[in-house]
Amino acid sequence: MSTKKSEQGHKAEVRIAITNVSGEVTFESPTSAAEIRTLVSAALASGTPLILTDVRGKEIIVPADKIGFVEIGAQSERRVGFGTL
């Protein structure tokens, strides 16, 4: 039996800046941060498009030469309540 917490353990929040575009692409990926880092490095080294999938199964494809930066972070837990943290 799996729990929601263990399923969320591998999700990563990804933010990709695309050159000559003022906005950024931000999404949650079921892929781990280490795997995303490997995919980004491979795309940049070979000049092939970066292809990632979000948690809903949609593919995000970015040409390697248009990548400004990629920010990868662990998904933060959603806090509920009126805490001051």
C-alpha atoms as a PDB file:
ATOM      1  CA  MET A   1       0.000   0.000   0.000  1.00  0.00           C
ATOM      2  CA  SER A   2       1.486   3.314  -1.020  1.00  0.00           C
ATOM      3  CA  THR A   3       0.952   6.633   0.635  1.00  0.00           C
ATOM      4  CA  LYS A   4       0.769  10.054  -0.914  1.00  0.00           C
ATOM      5  CA  LYS A   5       3.912  11.146   0.890  1.00  0.00           C
ATOM      6  CA  SER A   6       6.032   8.373  -0.640  1.00  0.00           C
ATOM      7  CA  GLU A   7       4.639   9.086  -4.121  1.00  0.00           C
ATOM      8  CA  GLN A   8       5.608  12.760  -3.809  1.00  0.00           C
ATOM      9  CA  GLY A   9       9.157  11.898  -2.734  1.00  0.00           C
ATOM     10  CA  HIS A  10      10.522  11.918  -6.288  1.00  0.00           C
ATOM     11  CA  LYS A  11       8.705  14.950  -7.677  1.00  0.00           C
ATOM     12  CA  ALA A  12      10.708  18.011  -8.584  1.00  0.00           C
ATOM     13  CA  GLU A  13       9.722  21.567  -9.384  1.00  0.00           C
ATOM     14  CA  VAL A  14      11.359  22.716 -12.617  1.00  0.00           C
ATOM     15  CA  ARG A  15      11.762  26.251 -13.948  1.00  0.00           C
ATOM     16  CA  ILE A  16      13.213  26.803 -17.420  1.00  0.00           C
ATOM     17  CA  ALA A  17      14.132  30.225 -18.821  1.00  0.00           C
ATOM     18  CA  ILE A  18      14.058  30.428 -22.599  1.00  0.00           C
ATOM     19  CA  THR A  19      16.291  32.946 -24.363  1.00  0.00           C
ATOM     20  CA  ASN A  20      14.550  35.916 -26.021  1.00  0.00           C
ATOM     21  CA  VAL A  21      11.312  35.134 -24.163  1.00  0.00           C
ATOM     22  CA  SER A  22      10.318  37.207 -21.144  1.00  0.00           C
ATOM     23  CA  GLY A  23       8.428  34.417 -19.363  1.00  0.00           C
ATOM     24  CA  GLU A  24       9.593  31.118 -17.919  1.00  0.00           C
ATOM     25  CA  VAL A  25       8.223  27.598 -18.081  1.00  0.00           C
ATOM     26  CA  THR A  26       7.433  26.281 -14.600  1.00  0.00           C
ATOM     27  CA  PHE A  27       6.006  22.847 -13.842  1.00  0.00           C
ATOM     28  CA  GLU A  28       6.158  19.859 -11.498  1.00  0.00           C
ATOM     29  CA  SER A  29       7.828  16.735 -12.816  1.00  0.00           C
ATOM     30  CA  PRO A  30       7.532  13.169 -11.510  1.00  0.00           C
ATOM     31  CA  THR A  31      11.215  12.751 -12.423  1.00  0.00           C
ATOM     32  CA  SER A  32      13.840  13.154  -9.699  1.00  0.00           C
ATOM     33  CA  ALA A  33      16.113  16.197  -9.623  1.00  0.00           C
ATOM     34  CA  ALA A  34      19.165  14.045 -10.398  1.00  0.00           C
ATOM     35  CA  GLU A  35      17.528  12.547 -13.493  1.00  0.00           C
ATOM     36  CA  ILE A  36      16.447  15.992 -14.721  1.00  0.00           C
ATOM     37  CA  ARG A  37      19.995  17.289 -14.243  1.00  0.00           C
ATOM     38  CA  THR A  38      21.289  14.377 -16.354  1.00  0.00           C
ATOM     39  CA  LEU A  39      18.735  15.031 -19.114  1.00  0.00           C
ATOM     40  CA  VAL A  40      19.563  18.763 -19.203  1.00  0.00           C
ATOM     41  CA  SER A  41      23.310  18.084 -19.347  1.00  0.00           C
ATOM     42  CA  ALA A  42      22.856  15.550 -22.163  1.00  0.00           C
ATOM     43  CA  ALA A  43      20.669  17.944 -24.175  1.00  0.00           C
ATOM     44  CA  LEU A  44      23.143  20.800 -23.792  1.00  0.00           C
ATOM     45  CA  ALA A  45      26.140  18.611 -24.660  1.00  0.00           C
ATOM     46  CA  SER A  46      24.559  17.080 -27.778  1.00  0.00           C
ATOM     47  CA  GLY A  47      22.507  20.086 -28.905  1.00  0.00           C
ATOM     48  CA  THR A  48      19.319  18.015 -28.989  1.00  0.00           C
ATOM     49  CA  PRO A  49      15.990  19.262 -27.592  1.00  0.00           C
ATOM     50  CA  LEU A  50      15.337  18.887 -23.871  1.00  0.00           C
ATOM     51  CA  ILE A  51      12.220  16.760 -23.408  1.00  0.00           C
ATOM     52  CA  LEU A  52      10.634  16.543 -19.957  1.00  0.00           C
ATOM     53  CA  THR A  53       7.226  15.347 -18.760  1.00  0.00           C
ATOM     54  CA  ASP A  54       5.054  17.057 -16.147  1.00  0.00           C
ATOM     55  CA  VAL A  55       2.974  15.302 -13.471  1.00  0.00           C
ATOM     56  CA  ARG A  56      -0.075  15.284 -15.774  1.00  0.00           C
ATOM     57  CA  GLY A  57       1.792  13.481 -18.544  1.00  0.00           C
ATOM     58  CA  LYS A  58       2.291  16.483 -20.844  1.00  0.00           C
ATOM     59  CA  GLU A  59       5.641  16.794 -22.612  1.00  0.00           C
ATOM     60  CA  ILE A  60       7.662  19.995 -22.463  1.00  0.00           C
ATOM     61  CA  ILE A  61      10.146  20.286 -25.340  1.00  0.00           C
ATOM     62  CA  VAL A  62      12.741  23.070 -25.405  1.00  0.00           C
ATOM     63  CA  PRO A  63      15.489  23.403 -28.045  1.00  0.00           C
ATOM     64  CA  ALA A  64      18.878  23.107 -26.323  1.00  0.00           C
ATOM     65  CA  ASP A  65      20.193  26.314 -27.891  1.00  0.00           C
ATOM     66  CA  LYS A  66      17.246  28.294 -26.452  1.00  0.00           C
ATOM     67  CA  ILE A  67      17.758  27.247 -22.807  1.00  0.00           C
ATOM     68  CA  GLY A  68      18.715  30.257 -20.675  1.00  0.00           C
ATOM     69  CA  PHE A  69      18.835  28.378 -17.377  1.00  0.00           C
ATOM     70  CA  VAL A  70      17.151  25.465 -15.643  1.00  0.00           C
ATOM     71  CA  GLU A  71      16.282  25.620 -11.961  1.00  0.00           C
ATOM     72  CA  ILE A  72      15.500  22.291 -10.297  1.00  0.00           C
ATOM     73  CA  GLY A  73      14.174  22.066  -6.771  1.00  0.00           C
ATOM     74  CA  ALA A  74      12.517  19.554  -4.531  1.00  0.00           C
ATOM     75  CA  GLN A  75       8.792  20.031  -4.272  1.00  0.00           C
ATOM     76  CA  SER A  76       7.992  21.842  -1.060  1.00  0.00           C
ATOM     77  CA  GLU A  77       5.275  20.534   1.207  1.00  0.00           C
ATOM     78  CA  ARG A  78       2.122  22.581   1.180  1.00  0.00           C
ATOM     79  CA  ARG A  79       1.506  24.145   4.562  1.00  0.00           C
ATOM     80  CA  VAL A  80      -1.969  24.611   5.911  1.00  0.00           C
ATOM     81  CA  GLY A  81      -2.928  27.111   8.587  1.00  0.00           C
ATOM     82  CA  PHE A  82      -1.859  30.467   9.835  1.00  0.00           C
ATOM     83  CA  GLY A  83       1.688  29.653  10.987  1.00  0.00           C
ATOM     84  CA  THR A  84       4.321  32.380  10.957  1.00  0.00           C
ATOM     85  CA  LEU A  85       6.997  30.208   9.329  1.00  0.00           C
END
